[in-house]
PDB file of N, CA and C in Angstrom:
ATOM      1  N   MET A   1     -36.330 -38.337  17.663  1.00  0.00           N
ATOM      2  CA  MET A   1     -37.529 -37.634  17.251  1.00  0.00           C
ATOM      3  C   MET A   1     -37.947 -38.027  15.828  1.00  0.00           C
ATOM      4  N   LEU A   2     -37.000 -38.119  14.924  1.00  0.00           N
ATOM      5  CA  LEU A   2     -37.354 -38.484  13.558  1.00  0.00           C
ATOM      6  C   LEU A   2     -37.790 -39.939  13.438  1.00  0.00           C
ATOM      7  N   GLU A   3     -37.420 -40.775  14.393  1.00  0.00           N
ATOM      8  CA  GLU A   3     -37.833 -42.172  14.318  1.00  0.00           C
ATOM      9  C   GLU A   3     -39.345 -42.323  14.490  1.00  0.00           C
ATOM     10  N   ASN A   4     -40.004 -41.304  15.039  1.00  0.00           N
ATOM     11  CA  ASN A   4     -41.462 -41.343  15.156  1.00  0.00           C
ATOM     12  C   ASN A   4     -42.137 -41.265  13.795  1.00  0.00           C
ATOM     13  N   TYR A   5     -41.449 -40.688  12.827  1.00  0.00           N
ATOM     14  CA  TYR A   5     -42.013 -40.537  11.487  1.00  0.00           C
ATOM     15  C   TYR A   5     -41.711 -41.721  10.583  1.00  0.00           C
ATOM     16  N   LEU A   6     -40.893 -42.648  11.021  1.00  0.00           N
ATOM     17  CA  LEU A   6     -40.539 -43.801  10.197  1.00  0.00           C
ATOM     18  C   LEU A   6     -41.751 -44.650   9.813  1.00  0.00           C
ATOM     19  N   PRO A   7     -42.682 -44.973  10.716  1.00  0.00           N
ATOM     20  CA  PRO A   7     -43.860 -45.751  10.280  1.00  0.00           C
ATOM     21  C   PRO A   7     -44.687 -45.029   9.217  1.00  0.00           C
ATOM     22  N   ILE A   8     -44.779 -43.714   9.323  1.00  0.00           N
ATOM     23  CA  ILE A   8     -45.528 -42.957   8.319  1.00  0.00           C
ATOM     24  C   ILE A   8     -44.818 -43.033   6.975  1.00  0.00           C
ATOM     25  N   LEU A   9     -43.509 -42.903   6.980  1.00  0.00           N
ATOM     26  CA  LEU A   9     -42.730 -42.984   5.749  1.00  0.00           C
ATOM     27  C   LEU A   9     -42.846 -44.374   5.130  1.00  0.00           C
ATOM     28  N   VAL A  10     -42.794 -45.422   5.953  1.00  0.00           N
ATOM     29  CA  VAL A  10     -42.942 -46.788   5.439  1.00  0.00           C
ATOM     30  C   VAL A  10     -44.345 -46.985   4.874  1.00  0.00           C
ATOM     31  N   PHE A  11     -45.356 -46.493   5.560  1.00  0.00           N
ATOM     32  CA  PHE A  11     -46.735 -46.616   5.085  1.00  0.00           C
ATOM     33  C   PHE A  11     -46.913 -45.909   3.736  1.00  0.00           C
ATOM     34  N   MET A  12     -46.355 -44.713   3.605  1.00  0.00           N
ATOM     35  CA  MET A  12     -46.465 -43.979   2.335  1.00  0.00           C
ATOM     36  C   MET A  12     -45.704 -44.706   1.226  1.00  0.00           C
ATOM     37  N   GLY A  13     -44.542 -45.241   1.549  1.00  0.00           N
ATOM     38  CA  GLY A  13     -43.768 -45.976   0.553  1.00  0.00           C
ATOM     39  C   GLY A  13     -44.496 -47.213   0.066  1.00  0.00           C
ATOM     40  N   VAL A  14     -45.057 -47.984   0.997  1.00  0.00           N
ATOM     41  CA  VAL A  14     -45.800 -49.184   0.619  1.00  0.00           C
ATOM     42  C   VAL A  14     -47.034 -48.804  -0.202  1.00  0.00           C
ATOM     43  N   GLY A  15     -47.722 -47.738   0.179  1.00  0.00           N
ATOM     44  CA  GLY A  15     -48.896 -47.292  -0.576  1.00  0.00           C
ATOM     45  C   GLY A  15     -48.534 -46.875  -1.991  1.00  0.00           C
ATOM     46  N   LEU A  16     -47.460 -46.126  -2.149  1.00  0.00           N
ATOM     47  CA  LEU A  16     -47.026 -45.725  -3.491  1.00  0.00           C
ATOM     48  C   LEU A  16     -46.586 -46.930  -4.314  1.00  0.00           C
ATOM     49  N   LEU A  17     -45.899 -47.872  -3.679  1.00  0.00           N
ATOM     50  CA  LEU A  17     -45.442 -49.065  -4.385  1.00  0.00           C
ATOM     51  C   LEU A  17     -46.625 -49.908  -4.856  1.00  0.00           C
ATOM     52  N   VAL A  18     -47.609 -50.117  -3.991  1.00  0.00           N
ATOM     53  CA  VAL A  18     -48.787 -50.902  -4.375  1.00  0.00           C
ATOM     54  C   VAL A  18     -49.547 -50.196  -5.497  1.00  0.00           C
ATOM     55  N   GLY A  19     -49.701 -48.887  -5.397  1.00  0.00           N
ATOM     56  CA  GLY A  19     -50.376 -48.144  -6.462  1.00  0.00           C
ATOM     57  C   GLY A  19     -49.638 -48.240  -7.779  1.00  0.00           C
ATOM     58  N   ALA A  20     -48.316 -48.100  -7.743  1.00  0.00           N
ATOM     59  CA  ALA A  20     -47.521 -48.193  -8.970  1.00  0.00           C
ATOM     60  C   ALA A  20     -47.602 -49.589  -9.571  1.00  0.00           C
ATOM     61  N   VAL A  21     -47.590 -50.622  -8.725  1.00  0.00           N
ATOM     62  CA  VAL A  21     -47.684 -51.994  -9.235  1.00  0.00           C
ATOM     63  C   VAL A  21     -49.012 -52.199  -9.952  1.00  0.00           C
ATOM     64  N   PHE A  22     -50.107 -51.718  -9.401  1.00  0.00           N
ATOM     65  CA  PHE A  22     -51.405 -51.888 -10.053  1.00  0.00           C
ATOM     66  C   PHE A  22     -51.494 -51.115 -11.366  1.00  0.00           C
ATOM     67  N   VAL A  23     -50.899 -49.951 -11.429  1.00  0.00           N
ATOM     68  CA  VAL A  23     -50.901 -49.187 -12.683  1.00  0.00           C
ATOM     69  C   VAL A  23     -50.094 -49.919 -13.746  1.00  0.00           C
ATOM     70  N   VAL A  24     -48.935 -50.431 -13.375  1.00  0.00           N
ATOM     71  CA  VAL A  24     -48.100 -51.162 -14.330  1.00  0.00           C
ATOM     72  C   VAL A  24     -48.810 -52.428 -14.796  1.00  0.00           C
ATOM     73  N   ILE A  25     -49.452 -53.155 -13.886  1.00  0.00           N
ATOM     74  CA  ILE A  25     -50.193 -54.360 -14.274  1.00  0.00           C
ATOM     75  C   ILE A  25     -51.334 -53.994 -15.224  1.00  0.00           C
ATOM     76  N   GLY A  26     -52.004 -52.889 -14.971  1.00  0.00           N
ATOM     77  CA  GLY A  26     -53.084 -52.461 -15.858  1.00  0.00           C
ATOM     78  C   GLY A  26     -52.598 -52.151 -17.256  1.00  0.00           C
ATOM     79  N   PHE A  27     -51.462 -51.467 -17.356  1.00  0.00           N
ATOM     80  CA  PHE A  27     -50.918 -51.160 -18.672  1.00  0.00           C
ATOM     81  C   PHE A  27     -50.385 -52.413 -19.358  1.00  0.00           C
ATOM     82  N   ALA A  28     -49.791 -53.337 -18.598  1.00  0.00           N
ATOM     83  CA  ALA A  28     -49.194 -54.525 -19.191  1.00  0.00           C
ATOM     84  C   ALA A  28     -50.248 -55.524 -19.652  1.00  0.00           C
ATOM     85  N   LEU A  29     -51.303 -55.720 -18.876  1.00  0.00           N
ATOM     86  CA  LEU A  29     -52.294 -56.747 -19.185  1.00  0.00           C
ATOM     87  C   LEU A  29     -53.552 -56.212 -19.863  1.00  0.00           C
ATOM     88  N   GLY A  30     -53.718 -54.914 -19.889  1.00  0.00           N
ATOM     89  CA  GLY A  30     -54.918 -54.338 -20.482  1.00  0.00           C
ATOM     90  C   GLY A  30     -54.896 -54.389 -21.994  1.00  0.00           C
ATOM     91  N   PRO A  31     -56.067 -54.363 -22.612  1.00  0.00           N
ATOM     92  CA  PRO A  31     -56.113 -54.399 -24.083  1.00  0.00           C
ATOM     93  C   PRO A  31     -55.571 -53.100 -24.670  1.00  0.00           C
ATOM     94  N   GLN A  32     -54.799 -53.232 -25.729  1.00  0.00           N
ATOM     95  CA  GLN A  32     -54.219 -52.073 -26.406  1.00  0.00           C
ATOM     96  C   GLN A  32     -54.852 -51.946 -27.790  1.00  0.00           C
ATOM     97  N   ARG A  33     -56.048 -51.386 -27.842  1.00  0.00           N
ATOM     98  CA  ARG A  33     -56.753 -51.216 -29.109  1.00  0.00           C
ATOM     99  C   ARG A  33     -57.111 -49.742 -29.294  1.00  0.00           C
ATOM    100  N   PRO A  34     -56.138 -48.924 -29.695  1.00  0.00           N
ATOM    101  CA  PRO A  34     -56.443 -47.495 -29.875  1.00  0.00           C
ATOM    102  C   PRO A  34     -57.439 -47.300 -31.021  1.00  0.00           C
ATOM    103  N   ASP A  35     -58.301 -46.350 -30.838  1.00  0.00           N
ATOM    104  CA  ASP A  35     -59.338 -46.052 -31.816  1.00  0.00           C
ATOM    105  C   ASP A  35     -59.451 -44.541 -31.901  1.00  0.00           C
ATOM    106  N   PRO A  36     -59.663 -43.980 -33.072  1.00  0.00           N
ATOM    107  CA  PRO A  36     -59.773 -42.507 -33.153  1.00  0.00           C
ATOM    108  C   PRO A  36     -60.896 -41.940 -32.283  1.00  0.00           C
ATOM    109  N   GLU A  37     -61.975 -42.698 -32.142  1.00  0.00           N
ATOM    110  CA  GLU A  37     -63.072 -42.235 -31.291  1.00  0.00           C
ATOM    111  C   GLU A  37     -62.644 -42.188 -29.825  1.00  0.00           C
ATOM    112  N   LYS A  38     -61.895 -43.208 -29.397  1.00  0.00           N
ATOM    113  CA  LYS A  38     -61.455 -43.252 -28.008  1.00  0.00           C
ATOM    114  C   LYS A  38     -60.400 -42.196 -27.714  1.00  0.00           C
ATOM    115  N   LEU A  39     -59.585 -41.886 -28.699  1.00  0.00           N
ATOM    116  CA  LEU A  39     -58.504 -40.930 -28.491  1.00  0.00           C
ATOM    117  C   LEU A  39     -58.932 -39.484 -28.692  1.00  0.00           C
ATOM    118  N   SER A  40     -60.159 -39.277 -29.126  1.00  0.00           N
ATOM    119  CA  SER A  40     -60.629 -37.905 -29.337  1.00  0.00           C
ATOM    120  C   SER A  40     -60.893 -37.225 -27.992  1.00  0.00           C
ATOM    121  N   PRO A  41     -60.720 -35.898 -27.933  1.00  0.00           N
ATOM    122  CA  PRO A  41     -60.941 -35.212 -26.658  1.00  0.00           C
ATOM    123  C   PRO A  41     -62.408 -35.134 -26.253  1.00  0.00           C
ATOM    124  N   TYR A  42     -63.323 -35.345 -27.200  1.00  0.00           N
ATOM    125  CA  TYR A  42     -64.757 -35.270 -26.900  1.00  0.00           C
ATOM    126  C   TYR A  42     -65.360 -36.641 -27.130  1.00  0.00           C
ATOM    127  N   GLU A  43     -65.899 -37.235 -26.096  1.00  0.00           N
ATOM    128  CA  GLU A  43     -66.473 -38.571 -26.213  1.00  0.00           C
ATOM    129  C   GLU A  43     -67.983 -38.549 -25.985  1.00  0.00           C
ATOM    130  N   CYS A  44     -68.631 -37.462 -26.329  1.00  0.00           N
ATOM    131  CA  CYS A  44     -70.058 -37.353 -26.050  1.00  0.00           C
ATOM    132  C   CYS A  44     -70.907 -37.747 -27.248  1.00  0.00           C
ATOM    133  N   GLY A  45     -70.298 -38.254 -28.321  1.00  0.00           N
ATOM    134  CA  GLY A  45     -71.076 -38.729 -29.448  1.00  0.00           C
ATOM    135  C   GLY A  45     -71.051 -37.834 -30.656  1.00  0.00           C
ATOM    136  N   PHE A  46     -70.570 -36.608 -30.521  1.00  0.00           N
ATOM    137  CA  PHE A  46     -70.477 -35.722 -31.672  1.00  0.00           C
ATOM    138  C   PHE A  46     -69.303 -34.774 -31.472  1.00  0.00           C
ATOM    139  N   GLU A  47     -68.889 -34.171 -32.559  1.00  0.00           N
ATOM    140  CA  GLU A  47     -67.747 -33.255 -32.503  1.00  0.00           C
ATOM    141  C   GLU A  47     -68.131 -31.978 -31.761  1.00  0.00           C
ATOM    142  N   ALA A  48     -67.128 -31.329 -31.238  1.00  0.00           N
ATOM    143  CA  ALA A  48     -67.363 -30.069 -30.530  1.00  0.00           C
ATOM    144  C   ALA A  48     -67.874 -29.025 -31.514  1.00  0.00           C
ATOM    145  N   PHE A  49     -68.868 -28.267 -31.123  1.00  0.00           N
ATOM    146  CA  PHE A  49     -69.445 -27.269 -32.013  1.00  0.00           C
ATOM    147  C   PHE A  49     -69.152 -25.846 -31.556  1.00  0.00           C
ATOM    148  N   GLU A  50     -68.510 -25.688 -30.422  1.00  0.00           N
ATOM    149  CA  GLU A  50     -68.144 -24.364 -29.943  1.00  0.00           C
ATOM    150  C   GLU A  50     -66.742 -24.408 -29.393  1.00  0.00           C
ATOM    151  N   ASP A  51     -66.232 -23.240 -29.084  1.00  0.00           N
ATOM    152  CA  ASP A  51     -64.909 -23.137 -28.499  1.00  0.00           C
ATOM    153  C   ASP A  51     -64.937 -23.689 -27.075  1.00  0.00           C
ATOM    154  N   SER A  52     -63.872 -24.355 -26.688  1.00  0.00           N
ATOM    155  CA  SER A  52     -63.821 -24.916 -25.339  1.00  0.00           C
ATOM    156  C   SER A  52     -63.655 -23.848 -24.275  1.00  0.00           C
ATOM    157  N   ARG A  53     -63.333 -22.637 -24.682  1.00  0.00           N
ATOM    158  CA  ARG A  53     -63.171 -21.541 -23.721  1.00  0.00           C
ATOM    159  C   ARG A  53     -64.393 -20.628 -23.680  1.00  0.00           C
ATOM    160  N   MET A  54     -65.558 -21.188 -23.963  1.00  0.00           N
ATOM    161  CA  MET A  54     -66.771 -20.383 -23.965  1.00  0.00           C
ATOM    162  C   MET A  54     -67.119 -19.921 -22.547  1.00  0.00           C
ATOM    163  N   LYS A  55     -67.831 -18.844 -22.467  1.00  0.00           N
ATOM    164  CA  LYS A  55     -68.209 -18.291 -21.173  1.00  0.00           C
ATOM    165  C   LYS A  55     -69.427 -19.038 -20.631  1.00  0.00           C
ATOM    166  N   PHE A  56     -69.358 -19.316 -19.343  1.00  0.00           N
ATOM    167  CA  PHE A  56     -70.479 -19.959 -18.668  1.00  0.00           C
ATOM    168  C   PHE A  56     -71.329 -18.893 -18.007  1.00  0.00           C
ATOM    169  N   ASP A  57     -72.592 -19.220 -17.848  1.00  0.00           N
ATOM    170  CA  ASP A  57     -73.485 -18.321 -17.142  1.00  0.00           C
ATOM    171  C   ASP A  57     -73.054 -18.235 -15.680  1.00  0.00           C
ATOM    172  N   VAL A  58     -73.183 -17.071 -15.116  1.00  0.00           N
ATOM    173  CA  VAL A  58     -72.744 -16.833 -13.739  1.00  0.00           C
ATOM    174  C   VAL A  58     -73.544 -17.677 -12.749  1.00  0.00           C
ATOM    175  N   ARG A  59     -74.715 -18.139 -13.143  1.00  0.00           N
ATOM    176  CA  ARG A  59     -75.545 -18.932 -12.230  1.00  0.00           C
ATOM    177  C   ARG A  59     -74.894 -20.263 -11.882  1.00  0.00           C
ATOM    178  N   TYR A  60     -74.101 -20.828 -12.803  1.00  0.00           N
ATOM    179  CA  TYR A  60     -73.391 -22.061 -12.480  1.00  0.00           C
ATOM    180  C   TYR A  60     -72.459 -21.839 -11.291  1.00  0.00           C
ATOM    181  N   TYR A  61     -71.721 -20.741 -11.340  1.00  0.00           N
ATOM    182  CA  TYR A  61     -70.786 -20.433 -10.269  1.00  0.00           C
ATOM    183  C   TYR A  61     -71.523 -20.092  -8.975  1.00  0.00           C
ATOM    184  N   LEU A  62     -72.635 -19.411  -9.088  1.00  0.00           N
ATOM    185  CA  LEU A  62     -73.408 -19.046  -7.910  1.00  0.00           C
ATOM    186  C   LEU A  62     -73.941 -20.293  -7.204  1.00  0.00           C
ATOM    187  N   VAL A  63     -74.450 -21.237  -7.982  1.00  0.00           N
ATOM    188  CA  VAL A  63     -74.935 -22.470  -7.389  1.00  0.00           C
ATOM    189  C   VAL A  63     -73.785 -23.230  -6.738  1.00  0.00           C
ATOM    190  N   ALA A  64     -72.622 -23.241  -7.367  1.00  0.00           N
ATOM    191  CA  ALA A  64     -71.464 -23.931  -6.788  1.00  0.00           C
ATOM    192  C   ALA A  64     -71.047 -23.279  -5.477  1.00  0.00           C
ATOM    193  N   ILE A  65     -71.026 -21.957  -5.428  1.00  0.00           N
ATOM    194  CA  ILE A  65     -70.638 -21.252  -4.204  1.00  0.00           C
ATOM    195  C   ILE A  65     -71.666 -21.509  -3.096  1.00  0.00           C
ATOM    196  N   LEU A  66     -72.944 -21.469  -3.444  1.00  0.00           N
ATOM    197  CA  LEU A  66     -73.971 -21.748  -2.440  1.00  0.00           C
ATOM    198  C   LEU A  66     -73.858 -23.176  -1.919  1.00  0.00           C
ATOM    199  N   PHE A  67     -73.559 -24.118  -2.806  1.00  0.00           N
ATOM    200  CA  PHE A  67     -73.374 -25.495  -2.362  1.00  0.00           C
ATOM    201  C   PHE A  67     -72.207 -25.598  -1.387  1.00  0.00           C
ATOM    202  N   ILE A  68     -71.102 -24.946  -1.694  1.00  0.00           N
ATOM    203  CA  ILE A  68     -69.932 -24.998  -0.815  1.00  0.00           C
ATOM    204  C   ILE A  68     -70.260 -24.388   0.544  1.00  0.00           C
ATOM    205  N   ILE A  69     -70.962 -23.280   0.547  1.00  0.00           N
ATOM    206  CA  ILE A  69     -71.303 -22.631   1.818  1.00  0.00           C
ATOM    207  C   ILE A  69     -72.147 -23.555   2.688  1.00  0.00           C
ATOM    208  N   PHE A  70     -73.184 -24.137   2.116  1.00  0.00           N
ATOM    209  CA  PHE A  70     -74.072 -24.959   2.926  1.00  0.00           C
ATOM    210  C   PHE A  70     -73.480 -26.343   3.187  1.00  0.00           C
ATOM    211  N   ASP A  71     -72.550 -26.771   2.368  1.00  0.00           N
ATOM    212  CA  ASP A  71     -71.830 -28.005   2.650  1.00  0.00           C
ATOM    213  C   ASP A  71     -70.894 -27.806   3.839  1.00  0.00           C
ATOM    214  N   LEU A  72     -70.268 -26.655   3.925  1.00  0.00           N
ATOM    215  CA  LEU A  72     -69.415 -26.355   5.079  1.00  0.00           C
ATOM    216  C   LEU A  72     -70.231 -26.249   6.357  1.00  0.00           C
ATOM    217  N   GLU A  73     -71.455 -25.802   6.224  1.00  0.00           N
ATOM    218  CA  GLU A  73     -72.331 -25.756   7.400  1.00  0.00           C
ATOM    219  C   GLU A  73     -72.500 -27.153   7.985  1.00  0.00           C
ATOM    220  N   ILE A  74     -72.722 -28.122   7.136  1.00  0.00           N
ATOM    221  CA  ILE A  74     -72.870 -29.500   7.595  1.00  0.00           C
ATOM    222  C   ILE A  74     -71.554 -30.009   8.187  1.00  0.00           C
ATOM    223  N   ALA A  75     -70.441 -29.591   7.601  1.00  0.00           N
ATOM    224  CA  ALA A  75     -69.141 -30.013   8.129  1.00  0.00           C
ATOM    225  C   ALA A  75     -68.917 -29.477   9.541  1.00  0.00           C
ATOM    226  N   PHE A  76     -69.485 -28.326   9.855  1.00  0.00           N
ATOM    227  CA  PHE A  76     -69.370 -27.789  11.216  1.00  0.00           C
ATOM    228  C   PHE A  76     -70.371 -28.437  12.167  1.00  0.00           C
ATOM    229  N   LEU A  77     -71.473 -28.956  11.650  1.00  0.00           N
ATOM    230  CA  LEU A  77     -72.489 -29.548  12.518  1.00  0.00           C
ATOM    231  C   LEU A  77     -72.068 -30.903  13.095  1.00  0.00           C
ATOM    232  N   PHE A  78     -71.333 -31.695  12.350  1.00  0.00           N
ATOM    233  CA  PHE A  78     -70.960 -33.025  12.841  1.00  0.00           C
ATOM    234  C   PHE A  78     -70.078 -32.972  14.089  1.00  0.00           C
ATOM    235  N   PRO A  79     -68.956 -32.231  14.079  1.00  0.00           N
ATOM    236  CA  PRO A  79     -68.158 -32.204  15.316  1.00  0.00           C
ATOM    237  C   PRO A  79     -68.902 -31.549  16.476  1.00  0.00           C
ATOM    238  N   TRP A  80     -69.716 -30.562  16.163  1.00  0.00           N
ATOM    239  CA  TRP A  80     -70.496 -29.901  17.208  1.00  0.00           C
ATOM    240  C   TRP A  80     -71.452 -30.896  17.864  1.00  0.00           C
ATOM    241  N   ALA A  81     -72.108 -31.733  17.043  1.00  0.00           N
ATOM    242  CA  ALA A  81     -73.061 -32.702  17.586  1.00  0.00           C
ATOM    243  C   ALA A  81     -72.363 -33.749  18.448  1.00  0.00           C
ATOM    244  N   VAL A  82     -71.128 -34.073  18.112  1.00  0.00           N
ATOM    245  CA  VAL A  82     -70.399 -35.088  18.884  1.00  0.00           C
ATOM    246  C   VAL A  82     -70.059 -34.584  20.278  1.00  0.00           C
ATOM    247  N   VAL A  83     -69.691 -33.298  20.392  1.00  0.00           N
ATOM    248  CA  VAL A  83     -69.244 -32.774  21.687  1.00  0.00           C
ATOM    249  C   VAL A  83     -70.296 -31.886  22.351  1.00  0.00           C
ATOM    250  N   LEU A  84     -71.528 -31.957  21.913  1.00  0.00           N
ATOM    251  CA  LEU A  84     -72.566 -31.081  22.460  1.00  0.00           C
ATOM    252  C   LEU A  84     -72.748 -31.282  23.959  1.00  0.00           C
ATOM    253  N   ASP A  85     -72.684 -32.512  24.425  1.00  0.00           N
ATOM    254  CA  ASP A  85     -72.873 -32.736  25.860  1.00  0.00           C
ATOM    255  C   ASP A  85     -71.718 -32.170  26.684  1.00  0.00           C
ATOM    256  N   GLN A  86     -70.551 -31.987  26.086  1.00  0.00           N
ATOM    257  CA  GLN A  86     -69.406 -31.441  26.812  1.00  0.00           C
ATOM    258  C   GLN A  86     -69.372 -29.913  26.798  1.00  0.00           C
ATOM    259  N   ILE A  87     -69.856 -29.292  25.714  1.00  0.00           N
ATOM    260  CA  ILE A  87     -69.772 -27.829  25.636  1.00  0.00           C
ATOM    261  C   ILE A  87     -70.986 -27.140  26.234  1.00  0.00           C
ATOM    262  N   GLY A  88     -72.053 -27.850  26.403  1.00  0.00           N
ATOM    263  CA  GLY A  88     -73.192 -27.334  27.136  1.00  0.00           C
ATOM    264  C   GLY A  88     -73.989 -26.248  26.434  1.00  0.00           C
ATOM    265  N   LEU A  89     -74.592 -25.390  27.249  1.00  0.00           N
ATOM    266  CA  LEU A  89     -75.487 -24.351  26.749  1.00  0.00           C
ATOM    267  C   LEU A  89     -74.753 -23.312  25.908  1.00  0.00           C
ATOM    268  N   ALA A  90     -73.514 -23.004  26.266  1.00  0.00           N
ATOM    269  CA  ALA A  90     -72.752 -22.014  25.486  1.00  0.00           C
ATOM    270  C   ALA A  90     -72.532 -22.498  24.059  1.00  0.00           C
ATOM    271  N   GLY A  91     -72.223 -23.776  23.903  1.00  0.00           N
ATOM    272  CA  GLY A  91     -72.050 -24.343  22.567  1.00  0.00           C
ATOM    273  C   GLY A  91     -73.341 -24.371  21.785  1.00  0.00           C
ATOM    274  N   LEU A  92     -74.428 -24.663  22.472  1.00  0.00           N
ATOM    275  CA  LEU A  92     -75.735 -24.674  21.815  1.00  0.00           C
ATOM    276  C   LEU A  92     -76.102 -23.282  21.317  1.00  0.00           C
ATOM    277  N   LEU A  93     -75.898 -22.271  22.148  1.00  0.00           N
ATOM    278  CA  LEU A  93     -76.215 -20.896  21.740  1.00  0.00           C
ATOM    279  C   LEU A  93     -75.309 -20.418  20.610  1.00  0.00           C
ATOM    280  N   ALA A  94     -74.038 -20.805  20.656  1.00  0.00           N
ATOM    281  CA  ALA A  94     -73.129 -20.425  19.570  1.00  0.00           C
ATOM    282  C   ALA A  94     -73.583 -21.036  18.249  1.00  0.00           C
ATOM    283  N   MET A  95     -74.036 -22.278  18.283  1.00  0.00           N
ATOM    284  CA  MET A  95     -74.498 -22.920  17.050  1.00  0.00           C
ATOM    285  C   MET A  95     -75.815 -22.320  16.584  1.00  0.00           C
ATOM    286  N   VAL A  96     -76.669 -21.921  17.506  1.00  0.00           N
ATOM    287  CA  VAL A  96     -77.920 -21.265  17.118  1.00  0.00           C
ATOM    288  C   VAL A  96     -77.619 -19.949  16.401  1.00  0.00           C
ATOM    289  N   VAL A  97     -76.657 -19.192  16.916  1.00  0.00           N
ATOM    290  CA  VAL A  97     -76.263 -17.940  16.255  1.00  0.00           C
ATOM    291  C   VAL A  97     -75.682 -18.230  14.871  1.00  0.00           C
ATOM    292  N   PHE A  98     -74.807 -19.231  14.786  1.00  0.00           N
ATOM    293  CA  PHE A  98     -74.199 -19.617  13.511  1.00  0.00           C
ATOM    294  C   PHE A  98     -75.259 -20.018  12.498  1.00  0.00           C
ATOM    295  N   LEU A  99     -76.181 -20.887  12.903  1.00  0.00           N
ATOM    296  CA  LEU A  99     -77.235 -21.319  11.991  1.00  0.00           C
ATOM    297  C   LEU A  99     -78.193 -20.184  11.661  1.00  0.00           C
ATOM    298  N   GLY A 100     -78.422 -19.290  12.616  1.00  0.00           N
ATOM    299  CA  GLY A 100     -79.270 -18.130  12.339  1.00  0.00           C
ATOM    300  C   GLY A 100     -78.681 -17.241  11.257  1.00  0.00           C
ATOM    301  N   ILE A 101     -77.382 -17.003  11.324  1.00  0.00           N
ATOM    302  CA  ILE A 101     -76.721 -16.197  10.287  1.00  0.00           C
ATOM    303  C   ILE A 101     -76.828 -16.879   8.927  1.00  0.00           C
ATOM    304  N   LEU A 102     -76.651 -18.197   8.915  1.00  0.00           N
ATOM    305  CA  LEU A 102     -76.763 -18.920   7.645  1.00  0.00           C
ATOM    306  C   LEU A 102     -78.187 -18.910   7.113  1.00  0.00           C
ATOM    307  N   VAL A 103     -79.161 -19.011   7.983  1.00  0.00           N
ATOM    308  CA  VAL A 103     -80.551 -18.978   7.535  1.00  0.00           C
ATOM    309  C   VAL A 103     -80.906 -17.605   6.988  1.00  0.00           C
ATOM    310  N   VAL A 104     -80.421 -16.550   7.637  1.00  0.00           N
ATOM    311  CA  VAL A 104     -80.665 -15.198   7.119  1.00  0.00           C
ATOM    312  C   VAL A 104     -80.033 -15.040   5.742  1.00  0.00           C
ATOM    313  N   GLY A 105     -78.813 -15.556   5.558  1.00  0.00           N
ATOM    314  CA  GLY A 105     -78.172 -15.505   4.247  1.00  0.00           C
ATOM    315  C   GLY A 105     -78.924 -16.309   3.212  1.00  0.00           C
ATOM    316  N   PHE A 106     -79.437 -17.467   3.611  1.00  0.00           N
ATOM    317  CA  PHE A 106     -80.210 -18.300   2.697  1.00  0.00           C
ATOM    318  C   PHE A 106     -81.499 -17.602   2.274  1.00  0.00           C
ATOM    319  N   ILE A 107     -82.182 -16.984   3.212  1.00  0.00           N
ATOM    320  CA  ILE A 107     -83.413 -16.256   2.887  1.00  0.00           C
ATOM    321  C   ILE A 107     -83.110 -15.079   1.967  1.00  0.00           C
ATOM    322  N   TYR A 108     -82.003 -14.385   2.225  1.00  0.00           N
ATOM    323  CA  TYR A 108     -81.597 -13.270   1.364  1.00  0.00           C
ATOM    324  C   TYR A 108     -81.358 -13.756  -0.064  1.00  0.00           C
ATOM    325  N   GLU A 109     -80.632 -14.867  -0.219  1.00  0.00           N
ATOM    326  CA  GLU A 109     -80.378 -15.416  -1.551  1.00  0.00           C
ATOM    327  C   GLU A 109     -81.676 -15.857  -2.222  1.00  0.00           C
ATOM    328  N   TRP A 110     -82.576 -16.406  -1.455  1.00  0.00           N
ATOM    329  CA  TRP A 110     -83.851 -16.846  -1.991  1.00  0.00           C
ATOM    330  C   TRP A 110     -84.665 -15.652  -2.495  1.00  0.00           C
ATOM    331  N   LYS A 111     -84.713 -14.593  -1.689  1.00  0.00           N
ATOM    332  CA  LYS A 111     -85.483 -13.403  -2.074  1.00  0.00           C
ATOM    333  C   LYS A 111     -84.874 -12.697  -3.279  1.00  0.00           C
ATOM    334  N   LYS A 112     -83.550 -12.729  -3.403  1.00  0.00           N
ATOM    335  CA  LYS A 112     -82.881 -12.095  -4.542  1.00  0.00           C
ATOM    336  C   LYS A 112     -83.014 -12.908  -5.817  1.00  0.00           C
ATOM    337  N   GLY A 113     -83.495 -14.148  -5.710  1.00  0.00           N
ATOM    338  CA  GLY A 113     -83.687 -14.990  -6.887  1.00  0.00           C
ATOM    339  C   GLY A 113     -82.453 -15.757  -7.306  1.00  0.00           C
ATOM    340  N   ALA A 114     -81.468 -15.870  -6.425  1.00  0.00           N
ATOM    341  CA  ALA A 114     -80.242 -16.584  -6.782  1.00  0.00           C
ATOM    342  C   ALA A 114     -80.472 -18.076  -6.920  1.00  0.00           C
ATOM    343  N   LEU A 115     -81.528 -18.600  -6.341  1.00  0.00           N
ATOM    344  CA  LEU A 115     -81.802 -20.019  -6.437  1.00  0.00           C
ATOM    345  C   LEU A 115     -82.740 -20.365  -7.578  1.00  0.00           C
ATOM    346  N   GLU A 116     -83.234 -19.364  -8.286  1.00  0.00           N
ATOM    347  CA  GLU A 116     -84.124 -19.597  -9.416  1.00  0.00           C
ATOM    348  C   GLU A 116     -83.307 -19.961 -10.649  1.00  0.00           C
ATOM    349  N   TRP A 117     -83.782 -20.940 -11.382  1.00  0.00           N
ATOM    350  CA  TRP A 117     -83.109 -21.353 -12.598  1.00  0.00           C
ATOM    351  C   TRP A 117     -84.071 -21.169 -13.758  1.00  0.00           C
ATOM    352  N   GLU A 118     -83.683 -20.331 -14.687  1.00  0.00           N
ATOM    353  CA  GLU A 118     -84.595 -20.008 -15.808  1.00  0.00           C
ATOM    354  C   GLU A 118     -84.390 -20.929 -16.972  1.00  0.00           C
TER     355      GLU A 118
END
């Protein structure tokens, strides 16, 4: 039974070995010219002017959550579209209900102003 996992173990070992070899080659052959600008934690052209633990507006998180929700919707649509001819009318109706719930949620968020950016 464990011999079935041997190809996977060999594949993972070879992948780790190849990755490690490329990292070592990069460090060995790459230019070593440290510079205070390159080693600084902020590389945006100027020094940090606020604390790195500043509070973000809740709208950033709201947009991220909405993106995840609607991205997952697309993730459910691809397998459904592949097997639609096999699941028939029941699968079609289930997806219509699923998309209907998501559309109602989207309209609710739109009406509440969660998608507005001031």
